[in-house]
Amino acid sequence: MKFDEAGFEAARAEEQARARASWKGGSQKSASPAFRELPKTNFLGYKHLTAAGAEVLAIVKDGVGVPAASSGDLVEVVLDQTSFYGDSGGQTGDTGWFTSADGNATVAEIQGCVLPVQGVRAHKALLKENLAVGDHVRTVVDGERRDAIRRNHTGTHLLHAALRQVLGTHVKQAGSAVHPDRLRFDFSHFAQVADEELEEIESIVNREVLADARVETIEDVPIDVAVNEYHAMALFGEKYGDKVRVVKLSDGFSTELCGGTHTRATGEIGLVKIVSEESVSSGVRRLEAISGMGALDTFRRDFEVAQVVSQVASAPAGARSRTGFVRGLPLRKRS
């Protein structure tokens, strides 16, 4: 067998470049020219789920800027301001709606939000009404979905801190994916995490959740102050601006540079349950976890299974069919 080391190194460099662009939330080289000259979008979503009077600056259809689009078109819309978080930093973008100024008509269903160019937020919109550059809309984020995302994002910060506490300070974040139904956290570590260690990590995280400690976000902090005084963790060795955003959990239990959305207190998370741990590459492990209603749904399913097993195990022999199951007891088919 022959190994193309030069080809491997070239492919790895390309993948690292794509990953860095995804983490930053935009890549000018791959973006449509229609996005490149637009001003940065004013993001209001840290404090508000709606933004009134947002002006349409650009409509992009099939990669080309157009002056207007019709009902039924799937387009990307850039506004001067928005409450929608764009897919970046591992956190998935918001979904929701554009409405008319009075809120009585739905202008578009927003299926996602991305940053094709750093600072410019493009809304993936399925139009319900005609829309033109210069029009004004009201942005409305799906609040229930955003809340689920916020719980999982704050949960990743707690997991990171707990991993470093249990496994050692060599643990560093190597990637993440924050969705409404789950979170994924990649980290540097040299061996499989033992079951006992996972239980300890999970217990530490949930103690912080039960403490219902304040989640503090500090805007426009000079980078040297964030790193040297707040001792905030800077991830991926990325280049940060002169001013950064610091997220502090549980009075310093976790302090990181982060641009994502978070809960106001750790208690809003409800519960964090680790569901898997595996290797993804040499020296990098992956945790997947759930929180909030996702954790409750999993508990309910597990409880139902435990009840079924208990009834089957305790049922008299005569109550069982030839297959061994209790007659008349509805069982959920395993996928």
C-alpha atoms as a PDB file:
ATOM      1  CA  MET A   1       0.000   0.000   0.000  1.00  0.00           C
ATOM      2  CA  LYS A   2       1.136   3.541  -0.763  1.00  0.00           C
ATOM      3  CA  PHE A   3       0.254   6.529   1.367  1.00  0.00           C
ATOM      4  CA  ASP A   4      -0.139   9.941  -0.310  1.00  0.00           C
ATOM      5  CA  GLU A   5       1.136  12.033   2.603  1.00  0.00           C
ATOM      6  CA  ALA A   6       1.307  15.251   0.565  1.00  0.00           C
ATOM      7  CA  GLY A   7      -2.293  14.798  -0.575  1.00  0.00           C
ATOM      8  CA  PHE A   8      -3.382  14.059   2.958  1.00  0.00           C
ATOM      9  CA  GLU A   9      -1.721  17.197   4.324  1.00  0.00           C
ATOM     10  CA  ALA A  10      -3.296  19.326   1.578  1.00  0.00           C
ATOM     11  CA  ALA A  11      -6.756  17.895   2.264  1.00  0.00           C
ATOM     12  CA  ARG A  12      -6.318  18.407   5.994  1.00  0.00           C
ATOM     13  CA  ALA A  13      -5.310  22.048   5.489  1.00  0.00           C
ATOM     14  CA  GLU A  14      -8.421  22.626   3.362  1.00  0.00           C
ATOM     15  CA  GLU A  15     -10.675  21.023   5.977  1.00  0.00           C
ATOM     16  CA  GLN A  16      -9.105  23.086   8.763  1.00  0.00           C
ATOM     17  CA  ALA A  17      -9.706  26.246   6.726  1.00  0.00           C
ATOM     18  CA  ARG A  18     -13.363  25.275   6.233  1.00  0.00           C
ATOM     19  CA  ALA A  19     -13.741  24.510   9.939  1.00  0.00           C
ATOM     20  CA  ARG A  20     -12.240  27.865  10.917  1.00  0.00           C
ATOM     21  CA  ALA A  21     -14.582  29.653   8.521  1.00  0.00           C
ATOM     22  CA  SER A  22     -17.581  27.777   9.973  1.00  0.00           C
ATOM     23  CA  TRP A  23     -16.504  28.597  13.531  1.00  0.00           C
ATOM     24  CA  LYS A  24     -16.122  32.282  12.732  1.00  0.00           C
ATOM     25  CA  GLY A  25     -19.442  32.243  10.954  1.00  0.00           C
ATOM     26  CA  GLY A  26     -18.654  33.230   7.406  1.00  0.00           C
ATOM     27  CA  SER A  27     -16.187  32.817   4.563  1.00  0.00           C
ATOM     28  CA  GLN A  28     -15.831  35.638   2.042  1.00  0.00           C
ATOM     29  CA  LYS A  29     -14.126  33.386  -0.530  1.00  0.00           C
ATOM     30  CA  SER A  30     -17.130  31.059  -0.793  1.00  0.00           C
ATOM     31  CA  ALA A  31     -19.825  33.707  -0.394  1.00  0.00           C
ATOM     32  CA  SER A  32     -21.886  35.048  -3.281  1.00  0.00           C
ATOM     33  CA  PRO A  33     -20.656  38.465  -4.463  1.00  0.00           C
ATOM     34  CA  ALA A  34     -24.129  39.754  -3.566  1.00  0.00           C
ATOM     35  CA  PHE A  35     -23.180  39.545   0.140  1.00  0.00           C
ATOM     36  CA  ARG A  36     -19.679  40.986   0.092  1.00  0.00           C
ATOM     37  CA  GLU A  37     -20.394  44.717  -0.104  1.00  0.00           C
ATOM     38  CA  LEU A  38     -23.259  44.756   2.401  1.00  0.00           C
ATOM     39  CA  PRO A  39     -22.939  46.490   5.790  1.00  0.00           C
ATOM     40  CA  LYS A  40     -22.899  44.391   8.948  1.00  0.00           C
ATOM     41  CA  THR A  41     -26.287  43.385  10.308  1.00  0.00           C
ATOM     42  CA  ASN A  42     -27.223  44.925  13.652  1.00  0.00           C
ATOM     43  CA  PHE A  43     -27.942  41.883  15.843  1.00  0.00           C
ATOM     44  CA  LEU A  44     -30.593  42.514  18.530  1.00  0.00           C
ATOM     45  CA  GLY A  45     -31.147  38.880  19.456  1.00  0.00           C
ATOM     46  CA  TYR A  46     -29.275  38.816  22.752  1.00  0.00           C
ATOM     47  CA  LYS A  47     -32.060  40.829  24.382  1.00  0.00           C
ATOM     48  CA  HIS A  48     -35.023  40.533  21.993  1.00  0.00           C
ATOM     49  CA  LEU A  49     -36.754  37.814  19.982  1.00  0.00           C
ATOM     50  CA  THR A  50     -38.336  40.407  17.700  1.00  0.00           C
ATOM     51  CA  ALA A  51     -37.080  43.406  15.732  1.00  0.00           C
ATOM     52  CA  ALA A  52     -39.530  45.900  14.283  1.00  0.00           C
ATOM     53  CA  GLY A  53     -38.980  47.987  11.166  1.00  0.00           C
ATOM     54  CA  ALA A  54     -36.123  45.911   9.730  1.00  0.00           C
ATOM     55  CA  GLU A  55     -35.254  47.079   6.212  1.00  0.00           C
ATOM     56  CA  VAL A  56     -34.555  44.614   3.407  1.00  0.00           C
ATOM     57  CA  LEU A  57     -31.048  45.386   2.116  1.00  0.00           C
ATOM     58  CA  ALA A  58     -30.641  42.469  -0.274  1.00  0.00           C
ATOM     59  CA  ILE A  59     -32.485  39.458  -1.690  1.00  0.00           C
ATOM     60  CA  VAL A  60     -30.369  36.615  -3.090  1.00  0.00           C
ATOM     61  CA  LYS A  61     -31.924  33.922  -5.249  1.00  0.00           C
ATOM     62  CA  ASP A  62     -29.824  31.025  -6.537  1.00  0.00           C
ATOM     63  CA  GLY A  63     -26.673  32.935  -5.563  1.00  0.00           C
ATOM     64  CA  VAL A  64     -27.625  36.085  -7.476  1.00  0.00           C
ATOM     65  CA  GLY A  65     -28.875  39.351  -6.016  1.00  0.00           C
ATOM     66  CA  VAL A  66     -32.354  40.344  -7.226  1.00  0.00           C
ATOM     67  CA  PRO A  67     -34.425  43.493  -6.608  1.00  0.00           C
ATOM     68  CA  ALA A  68     -37.559  41.533  -5.667  1.00  0.00           C
ATOM     69  CA  ALA A  69     -38.945  38.019  -5.256  1.00  0.00           C
ATOM     70  CA  SER A  70     -42.392  36.458  -5.371  1.00  0.00           C
ATOM     71  CA  SER A  71     -44.491  34.435  -2.972  1.00  0.00           C
ATOM     72  CA  GLY A  72     -43.318  30.825  -2.995  1.00  0.00           C
ATOM     73  CA  ASP A  73     -39.682  31.687  -3.762  1.00  0.00           C
ATOM     74  CA  LEU A  74     -36.924  30.288  -1.554  1.00  0.00           C
ATOM     75  CA  VAL A  75     -34.407  33.106  -1.115  1.00  0.00           C
ATOM     76  CA  GLU A  76     -31.826  34.551   1.254  1.00  0.00           C
ATOM     77  CA  VAL A  77     -32.721  37.919   2.754  1.00  0.00           C
ATOM     78  CA  VAL A  78     -30.345  40.372   4.419  1.00  0.00           C
ATOM     79  CA  LEU A  79     -31.770  43.057   6.722  1.00  0.00           C
ATOM     80  CA  ASP A  80     -30.224  46.084   8.385  1.00  0.00           C
ATOM     81  CA  GLN A  81     -31.160  44.613  11.791  1.00  0.00           C
ATOM     82  CA  THR A  82     -32.466  41.286  13.065  1.00  0.00           C
ATOM     83  CA  SER A  83     -33.248  39.218  16.140  1.00  0.00           C
ATOM     84  CA  PHE A  84     -32.137  35.993  14.379  1.00  0.00           C
ATOM     85  CA  TYR A  85     -28.893  34.351  15.508  1.00  0.00           C
ATOM     86  CA  GLY A  86     -26.820  33.186  12.547  1.00  0.00           C
ATOM     87  CA  ASP A  87     -25.217  29.752  12.442  1.00  0.00           C
ATOM     88  CA  SER A  88     -21.758  30.270  14.015  1.00  0.00           C
ATOM     89  CA  GLY A  89     -19.587  29.262  16.946  1.00  0.00           C
ATOM     90  CA  GLY A  90     -21.072  25.760  16.814  1.00  0.00           C
ATOM     91  CA  GLN A  91     -24.568  27.117  17.552  1.00  0.00           C
ATOM     92  CA  THR A  92     -27.216  26.508  14.909  1.00  0.00           C
ATOM     93  CA  GLY A  93     -29.102  29.472  13.485  1.00  0.00           C
ATOM     94  CA  ASP A  94     -32.590  30.515  14.556  1.00  0.00           C
ATOM     95  CA  THR A  95     -35.830  29.816  12.712  1.00  0.00           C
ATOM     96  CA  GLY A  96     -39.062  31.781  12.792  1.00  0.00           C
ATOM     97  CA  TRP A  97     -40.938  34.290  10.665  1.00  0.00           C
ATOM     98  CA  PHE A  98     -40.959  37.693   8.992  1.00  0.00           C
ATOM     99  CA  THR A  99     -44.282  39.433   9.529  1.00  0.00           C
ATOM    100  CA  SER A 100     -45.824  42.675   8.425  1.00  0.00           C
ATOM    101  CA  ALA A 101     -45.277  45.716  10.638  1.00  0.00           C
ATOM    102  CA  ASP A 102     -48.603  45.158  12.441  1.00  0.00           C
ATOM    103  CA  GLY A 103     -47.927  41.435  12.844  1.00  0.00           C
ATOM    104  CA  ASN A 104     -51.174  40.444  11.113  1.00  0.00           C
ATOM    105  CA  ALA A 105     -49.588  38.872   8.024  1.00  0.00           C
ATOM    106  CA  THR A 106     -46.749  36.370   7.615  1.00  0.00           C
ATOM    107  CA  VAL A 107     -44.336  37.649   4.977  1.00  0.00           C
ATOM    108  CA  ALA A 108     -41.904  34.702   5.120  1.00  0.00           C
ATOM    109  CA  GLU A 109     -41.140  31.494   6.958  1.00  0.00           C
ATOM    110  CA  ILE A 110     -37.496  31.617   8.080  1.00  0.00           C
ATOM    111  CA  GLN A 111     -35.906  28.169   7.870  1.00  0.00           C
ATOM    112  CA  GLY A 112     -32.473  29.200   9.134  1.00  0.00           C
ATOM    113  CA  CYS A 113     -29.989  32.041   9.410  1.00  0.00           C
ATOM    114  CA  VAL A 114     -26.328  31.992   8.347  1.00  0.00           C
ATOM    115  CA  LEU A 115     -23.351  34.343   8.093  1.00  0.00           C
ATOM    116  CA  PRO A 116     -22.085  34.085   4.499  1.00  0.00           C
ATOM    117  CA  VAL A 117     -19.734  36.979   5.250  1.00  0.00           C
ATOM    118  CA  GLN A 118     -18.544  37.847   8.742  1.00  0.00           C
ATOM    119  CA  GLY A 119     -21.109  40.171  10.328  1.00  0.00           C
ATOM    120  CA  VAL A 120     -23.730  39.809   7.572  1.00  0.00           C
ATOM    121  CA  ARG A 121     -26.746  37.660   8.476  1.00  0.00           C
ATOM    122  CA  ALA A 122     -28.652  35.981   5.661  1.00  0.00           C
ATOM    123  CA  HIS A 123     -32.112  34.619   6.458  1.00  0.00           C
ATOM    124  CA  LYS A 124     -33.172  31.504   4.520  1.00  0.00           C
ATOM    125  CA  ALA A 125     -36.701  32.575   3.694  1.00  0.00           C
ATOM    126  CA  LEU A 126     -39.648  30.796   2.075  1.00  0.00           C
ATOM    127  CA  LEU A 127     -41.721  33.761   0.969  1.00  0.00           C
ATOM    128  CA  LYS A 128     -45.442  33.838   1.732  1.00  0.00           C
ATOM    129  CA  GLU A 129     -45.855  37.267   0.131  1.00  0.00           C
ATOM    130  CA  ASN A 130     -43.953  39.256  -2.471  1.00  0.00           C
ATOM    131  CA  LEU A 131     -40.863  40.994  -1.082  1.00  0.00           C
ATOM    132  CA  ALA A 132     -38.601  43.727  -2.511  1.00  0.00           C
ATOM    133  CA  VAL A 133     -35.402  45.485  -1.509  1.00  0.00           C
ATOM    134  CA  GLY A 134     -36.364  48.500   0.588  1.00  0.00           C
ATOM    135  CA  ASP A 135     -39.405  46.840   2.173  1.00  0.00           C
ATOM    136  CA  HIS A 136     -39.696  46.693   5.971  1.00  0.00           C
ATOM    137  CA  VAL A 137     -40.566  43.603   8.020  1.00  0.00           C
ATOM    138  CA  ARG A 138     -40.800  42.532  11.636  1.00  0.00           C
ATOM    139  CA  THR A 139     -38.500  39.633  12.577  1.00  0.00           C
ATOM    140  CA  VAL A 140     -39.937  36.998  14.940  1.00  0.00           C
ATOM    141  CA  VAL A 141     -37.713  34.219  16.307  1.00  0.00           C
ATOM    142  CA  ASP A 142     -39.209  30.858  17.327  1.00  0.00           C
ATOM    143  CA  GLY A 143     -38.795  31.408  21.070  1.00  0.00           C
ATOM    144  CA  GLU A 144     -39.384  27.817  22.184  1.00  0.00           C
ATOM    145  CA  ARG A 145     -36.675  26.543  19.838  1.00  0.00           C
ATOM    146  CA  ARG A 146     -34.262  29.344  20.877  1.00  0.00           C
ATOM    147  CA  ASP A 147     -34.794  28.427  24.544  1.00  0.00           C
ATOM    148  CA  ALA A 148     -33.873  24.799  23.831  1.00  0.00           C
ATOM    149  CA  ILE A 149     -30.730  25.944  22.005  1.00  0.00           C
ATOM    150  CA  ARG A 150     -29.775  28.279  24.859  1.00  0.00           C
ATOM    151  CA  ARG A 151     -30.083  25.442  27.387  1.00  0.00           C
ATOM    152  CA  ASN A 152     -27.797  23.222  25.340  1.00  0.00           C
ATOM    153  CA  HIS A 153     -25.253  25.991  24.725  1.00  0.00           C
ATOM    154  CA  THR A 154     -24.948  26.846  28.405  1.00  0.00           C
ATOM    155  CA  GLY A 155     -24.723  23.097  29.017  1.00  0.00           C
ATOM    156  CA  THR A 156     -21.662  22.846  26.755  1.00  0.00           C
ATOM    157  CA  HIS A 157     -19.864  25.449  28.877  1.00  0.00           C
ATOM    158  CA  LEU A 158     -20.666  23.496  32.053  1.00  0.00           C
ATOM    159  CA  LEU A 159     -19.492  20.261  30.441  1.00  0.00           C
ATOM    160  CA  HIS A 160     -16.220  21.863  29.347  1.00  0.00           C
ATOM    161  CA  ALA A 161     -15.467  23.063  32.863  1.00  0.00           C
ATOM    162  CA  ALA A 162     -16.439  19.714  34.429  1.00  0.00           C
ATOM    163  CA  LEU A 163     -14.279  17.788  31.949  1.00  0.00           C
ATOM    164  CA  ARG A 164     -11.258  19.904  32.882  1.00  0.00           C
ATOM    165  CA  GLN A 165     -12.013  19.383  36.569  1.00  0.00           C
ATOM    166  CA  VAL A 166     -12.246  15.584  36.294  1.00  0.00           C
ATOM    167  CA  LEU A 167      -9.826  14.729  33.471  1.00  0.00           C
ATOM    168  CA  GLY A 168      -7.290  17.552  33.747  1.00  0.00           C
ATOM    169  CA  THR A 169      -6.537  21.002  32.408  1.00  0.00           C
ATOM    170  CA  HIS A 170      -5.105  19.529  29.195  1.00  0.00           C
ATOM    171  CA  VAL A 171      -8.729  19.218  28.031  1.00  0.00           C
ATOM    172  CA  LYS A 172      -9.531  21.837  25.406  1.00  0.00           C
ATOM    173  CA  GLN A 173     -12.589  22.261  23.227  1.00  0.00           C
ATOM    174  CA  ALA A 174     -12.004  20.925  19.720  1.00  0.00           C
ATOM    175  CA  GLY A 175     -15.421  21.660  18.249  1.00  0.00           C
ATOM    176  CA  SER A 176     -19.084  21.732  19.168  1.00  0.00           C
ATOM    177  CA  ALA A 177     -22.575  21.583  17.711  1.00  0.00           C
ATOM    178  CA  VAL A 178     -25.460  23.130  19.611  1.00  0.00           C
ATOM    179  CA  HIS A 179     -28.950  22.205  18.380  1.00  0.00           C
ATOM    180  CA  PRO A 180     -32.365  22.431  20.039  1.00  0.00           C
ATOM    181  CA  ASP A 181     -32.581  18.660  20.595  1.00  0.00           C
ATOM    182  CA  ARG A 182     -28.983  17.856  21.584  1.00  0.00           C
ATOM    183  CA  LEU A 183     -25.458  19.103  22.027  1.00  0.00           C
ATOM    184  CA  ARG A 184     -22.170  17.686  20.800  1.00  0.00           C
ATOM    185  CA  PHE A 185     -18.854  18.573  22.419  1.00  0.00           C
ATOM    186  CA  ASP A 186     -15.447  17.524  21.038  1.00  0.00           C
ATOM    187  CA  PHE A 187     -12.409  17.807  23.293  1.00  0.00           C
ATOM    188  CA  SER A 188      -8.739  16.902  23.453  1.00  0.00           C
ATOM    189  CA  HIS A 189      -8.010  13.820  25.565  1.00  0.00           C
ATOM    190  CA  PHE A 190      -5.690  10.835  25.171  1.00  0.00           C
ATOM    191  CA  ALA A 191      -7.922   7.960  26.320  1.00  0.00           C
ATOM    192  CA  GLN A 192     -11.480   6.738  26.548  1.00  0.00           C
ATOM    193  CA  VAL A 193     -13.383   8.373  29.396  1.00  0.00           C
ATOM    194  CA  ALA A 194     -14.303   5.743  31.981  1.00  0.00           C
ATOM    195  CA  ASP A 195     -17.919   5.249  33.051  1.00  0.00           C
ATOM    196  CA  GLU A 196     -17.072   6.395  36.575  1.00  0.00           C
ATOM    197  CA  GLU A 197     -15.529   9.584  35.189  1.00  0.00           C
ATOM    198  CA  LEU A 198     -18.574  10.242  33.016  1.00  0.00           C
ATOM    199  CA  GLU A 199     -20.832   9.864  36.055  1.00  0.00           C
ATOM    200  CA  GLU A 200     -18.676  12.292  38.023  1.00  0.00           C
ATOM    201  CA  ILE A 201     -18.700  14.819  35.148  1.00  0.00           C
ATOM    202  CA  GLU A 202     -22.475  14.504  34.863  1.00  0.00           C
ATOM    203  CA  SER A 203     -22.907  14.960  38.622  1.00  0.00           C
ATOM    204  CA  ILE A 204     -20.718  18.084  38.694  1.00  0.00           C
ATOM    205  CA  VAL A 205     -22.645  19.634  35.809  1.00  0.00           C
ATOM    206  CA  ASN A 206     -26.030  18.945  37.389  1.00  0.00           C
ATOM    207  CA  ARG A 207     -24.931  20.306  40.762  1.00  0.00           C
ATOM    208  CA  GLU A 208     -24.197  23.568  38.967  1.00  0.00           C
ATOM    209  CA  VAL A 209     -27.603  23.360  37.277  1.00  0.00           C
ATOM    210  CA  LEU A 210     -29.375  22.816  40.604  1.00  0.00           C
ATOM    211  CA  ALA A 211     -27.494  25.744  42.126  1.00  0.00           C
ATOM    212  CA  ASP A 212     -29.409  27.966  39.673  1.00  0.00           C
ATOM    213  CA  ALA A 213     -26.428  30.310  39.517  1.00  0.00           C
ATOM    214  CA  ARG A 214     -26.470  33.462  37.439  1.00  0.00           C
ATOM    215  CA  VAL A 215     -25.115  33.368  33.890  1.00  0.00           C
ATOM    216  CA  GLU A 216     -23.337  36.662  33.297  1.00  0.00           C
ATOM    217  CA  THR A 217     -22.501  38.032  29.850  1.00  0.00           C
ATOM    218  CA  ILE A 218     -20.091  40.946  29.612  1.00  0.00           C
ATOM    219  CA  GLU A 219     -19.955  42.849  26.330  1.00  0.00           C
ATOM    220  CA  ASP A 220     -17.081  44.742  24.709  1.00  0.00           C
ATOM    221  CA  VAL A 221     -14.341  43.562  27.043  1.00  0.00           C
ATOM    222  CA  PRO A 222     -10.771  44.375  25.937  1.00  0.00           C
ATOM    223  CA  ILE A 223      -9.154  41.095  24.899  1.00  0.00           C
ATOM    224  CA  ASP A 224      -6.243  41.445  27.336  1.00  0.00           C
ATOM    225  CA  VAL A 225      -8.662  42.077  30.223  1.00  0.00           C
ATOM    226  CA  ALA A 226     -10.781  39.058  29.249  1.00  0.00           C
ATOM    227  CA  VAL A 227      -7.778  36.716  29.177  1.00  0.00           C
ATOM    228  CA  ASN A 228      -5.611  38.125  31.979  1.00  0.00           C
ATOM    229  CA  GLU A 229      -8.184  39.383  34.494  1.00  0.00           C
ATOM    230  CA  TYR A 230     -11.298  37.295  33.813  1.00  0.00           C
ATOM    231  CA  HIS A 231      -9.134  34.282  32.844  1.00  0.00           C
ATOM    232  CA  ALA A 232     -11.531  33.538  29.994  1.00  0.00           C
ATOM    233  CA  MET A 233     -10.697  30.591  27.772  1.00  0.00           C
ATOM    234  CA  ALA A 234     -10.005  31.513  24.141  1.00  0.00           C
ATOM    235  CA  LEU A 235     -10.829  28.576  21.891  1.00  0.00           C
ATOM    236  CA  PHE A 236      -9.288  27.206  18.692  1.00  0.00           C
ATOM    237  CA  GLY A 237      -6.350  29.604  18.802  1.00  0.00           C
ATOM    238  CA  GLU A 238      -8.468  31.964  16.741  1.00  0.00           C
ATOM    239  CA  LYS A 239      -7.751  35.641  16.228  1.00  0.00           C
ATOM    240  CA  TYR A 240     -10.152  37.765  18.225  1.00  0.00           C
ATOM    241  CA  GLY A 241     -10.928  41.444  17.875  1.00  0.00           C
ATOM    242  CA  ASP A 242      -9.854  44.142  20.296  1.00  0.00           C
ATOM    243  CA  LYS A 243     -13.190  43.791  22.121  1.00  0.00           C
ATOM    244  CA  VAL A 244     -14.766  40.440  22.988  1.00  0.00           C
ATOM    245  CA  ARG A 245     -17.824  38.982  24.744  1.00  0.00           C
ATOM    246  CA  VAL A 246     -17.260  37.050  27.972  1.00  0.00           C
ATOM    247  CA  VAL A 247     -19.713  34.476  29.372  1.00  0.00           C
ATOM    248  CA  LYS A 248     -19.315  33.645  33.079  1.00  0.00           C
ATOM    249  CA  LEU A 249     -21.191  30.785  34.740  1.00  0.00           C
ATOM    250  CA  SER A 250     -21.656  30.062  38.433  1.00  0.00           C
ATOM    251  CA  ASP A 251     -19.388  32.842  39.682  1.00  0.00           C
ATOM    252  CA  GLY A 252     -16.364  31.708  37.702  1.00  0.00           C
ATOM    253  CA  PHE A 253     -16.990  27.941  37.481  1.00  0.00           C
ATOM    254  CA  SER A 254     -16.733  28.534  33.723  1.00  0.00           C
ATOM    255  CA  THR A 255     -15.479  31.652  31.934  1.00  0.00           C
ATOM    256  CA  GLU A 256     -15.182  31.640  28.143  1.00  0.00           C
ATOM    257  CA  LEU A 257     -15.121  33.972  25.164  1.00  0.00           C
ATOM    258  CA  CYS A 258     -18.397  33.256  23.402  1.00  0.00           C
ATOM    259  CA  GLY A 259     -20.764  34.972  20.994  1.00  0.00           C
ATOM    260  CA  GLY A 260     -23.666  32.530  21.448  1.00  0.00           C
ATOM    261  CA  THR A 261     -26.973  32.819  23.265  1.00  0.00           C
ATOM    262  CA  HIS A 262     -27.281  31.499  26.828  1.00  0.00           C
ATOM    263  CA  THR A 263     -29.722  30.998  29.666  1.00  0.00           C
ATOM    264  CA  ARG A 264     -30.035  33.701  32.331  1.00  0.00           C
ATOM    265  CA  ALA A 265     -29.303  31.171  35.084  1.00  0.00           C
ATOM    266  CA  THR A 266     -28.040  27.585  35.138  1.00  0.00           C
ATOM    267  CA  GLY A 267     -31.315  26.332  36.627  1.00  0.00           C
ATOM    268  CA  GLU A 268     -33.115  27.013  33.331  1.00  0.00           C
ATOM    269  CA  ILE A 269     -31.236  24.050  31.826  1.00  0.00           C
ATOM    270  CA  GLY A 270     -33.307  21.630  33.919  1.00  0.00           C
ATOM    271  CA  LEU A 271     -31.019  18.598  33.602  1.00  0.00           C
ATOM    272  CA  VAL A 272     -27.980  17.568  31.556  1.00  0.00           C
ATOM    273  CA  LYS A 273     -27.714  13.902  30.584  1.00  0.00           C
ATOM    274  CA  ILE A 274     -24.670  12.511  28.767  1.00  0.00           C
ATOM    275  CA  VAL A 275     -25.857   9.964  26.210  1.00  0.00           C
ATOM    276  CA  SER A 276     -22.615   8.928  24.487  1.00  0.00           C
ATOM    277  CA  GLU A 277     -18.822   9.226  24.526  1.00  0.00           C
ATOM    278  CA  GLU A 278     -16.589   8.139  21.654  1.00  0.00           C
ATOM    279  CA  SER A 279     -13.397   8.786  19.730  1.00  0.00           C
ATOM    280  CA  VAL A 280     -13.569  10.927  16.588  1.00  0.00           C
ATOM    281  CA  SER A 281      -9.840  11.133  15.775  1.00  0.00           C
ATOM    282  CA  SER A 282      -6.469  10.627  17.395  1.00  0.00           C
ATOM    283  CA  GLY A 283      -6.451  12.513  20.684  1.00  0.00           C
ATOM    284  CA  VAL A 284      -9.994  13.872  20.258  1.00  0.00           C
ATOM    285  CA  ARG A 285     -13.058  12.516  22.071  1.00  0.00           C
ATOM    286  CA  ARG A 286     -16.722  13.405  21.607  1.00  0.00           C
ATOM    287  CA  LEU A 287     -19.542  13.733  24.113  1.00  0.00           C
ATOM    288  CA  GLU A 288     -23.183  13.980  23.147  1.00  0.00           C
ATOM    289  CA  ALA A 289     -25.709  15.143  25.688  1.00  0.00           C
ATOM    290  CA  ILE A 290     -29.284  16.358  26.071  1.00  0.00           C
ATOM    291  CA  SER A 291     -30.921  18.858  28.384  1.00  0.00           C
ATOM    292  CA  GLY A 292     -34.284  20.329  29.315  1.00  0.00           C
ATOM    293  CA  MET A 293     -37.306  18.690  27.697  1.00  0.00           C
ATOM    294  CA  GLY A 294     -35.032  16.377  25.693  1.00  0.00           C
ATOM    295  CA  ALA A 295     -33.707  14.899  28.941  1.00  0.00           C
ATOM    296  CA  LEU A 296     -37.268  14.585  30.287  1.00  0.00           C
ATOM    297  CA  ASP A 297     -38.470  12.770  27.148  1.00  0.00           C
ATOM    298  CA  THR A 298     -35.536  10.330  27.379  1.00  0.00           C
ATOM    299  CA  PHE A 299     -36.265   9.710  31.066  1.00  0.00           C
ATOM    300  CA  ARG A 300     -39.897   8.944  30.240  1.00  0.00           C
ATOM    301  CA  ARG A 301     -38.927   6.468  27.511  1.00  0.00           C
ATOM    302  CA  ASP A 302     -36.396   4.746  29.768  1.00  0.00           C
ATOM    303  CA  PHE A 303     -38.965   4.594  32.578  1.00  0.00           C
ATOM    304  CA  GLU A 304     -41.521   2.971  30.253  1.00  0.00           C
ATOM    305  CA  VAL A 305     -38.947   0.368  29.215  1.00  0.00           C
ATOM    306  CA  ALA A 306     -38.068  -0.308  32.856  1.00  0.00           C
ATOM    307  CA  GLN A 307     -41.755  -0.810  33.668  1.00  0.00           C
ATOM    308  CA  VAL A 308     -42.161  -3.265  30.792  1.00  0.00           C
ATOM    309  CA  VAL A 309     -39.070  -5.229  31.837  1.00  0.00           C
ATOM    310  CA  SER A 310     -40.281  -5.316  35.444  1.00  0.00           C
ATOM    311  CA  GLN A 311     -43.715  -6.625  34.446  1.00  0.00           C
ATOM    312  CA  VAL A 312     -42.247  -9.252  32.140  1.00  0.00           C
ATOM    313  CA  ALA A 313     -39.760 -10.418  34.760  1.00  0.00           C
ATOM    314  CA  SER A 314     -42.386 -10.684  37.511  1.00  0.00           C
ATOM    315  CA  ALA A 315     -45.242 -12.135  35.422  1.00  0.00           C
ATOM    316  CA  PRO A 316     -46.269 -15.769  36.093  1.00  0.00           C
ATOM    317  CA  ALA A 317     -45.304 -18.245  33.408  1.00  0.00           C
ATOM    318  CA  GLY A 318     -48.947 -18.710  32.384  1.00  0.00           C
ATOM    319  CA  ALA A 319     -49.332 -15.005  31.607  1.00  0.00           C
ATOM    320  CA  ARG A 320     -46.642 -15.121  28.970  1.00  0.00           C
ATOM    321  CA  SER A 321     -47.004 -15.974  25.327  1.00  0.00           C
ATOM    322  CA  ARG A 322     -44.638 -18.324  23.556  1.00  0.00           C
ATOM    323  CA  THR A 323     -42.494 -15.298  22.684  1.00  0.00           C
ATOM    324  CA  GLY A 324     -41.985 -14.553  26.385  1.00  0.00           C
ATOM    325  CA  PHE A 325     -43.900 -11.254  26.423  1.00  0.00           C
ATOM    326  CA  VAL A 326     -46.819 -10.474  28.715  1.00  0.00           C
ATOM    327  CA  ARG A 327     -50.128 -10.932  26.907  1.00  0.00           C
ATOM    328  CA  GLY A 328     -52.022  -7.703  26.272  1.00  0.00           C
ATOM    329  CA  LEU A 329     -49.116  -5.436  27.234  1.00  0.00           C
ATOM    330  CA  PRO A 330     -48.318  -2.917  24.486  1.00  0.00           C
ATOM    331  CA  LEU A 331     -44.619  -2.889  23.717  1.00  0.00           C
ATOM    332  CA  ARG A 332     -42.695  -0.283  21.786  1.00  0.00           C
ATOM    333  CA  LYS A 333     -40.781  -1.752  18.868  1.00  0.00           C
ATOM    334  CA  ARG A 334     -37.058  -1.090  19.044  1.00  0.00           C
ATOM    335  CA  SER A 335     -35.571   0.683  16.053  1.00  0.00           C
END
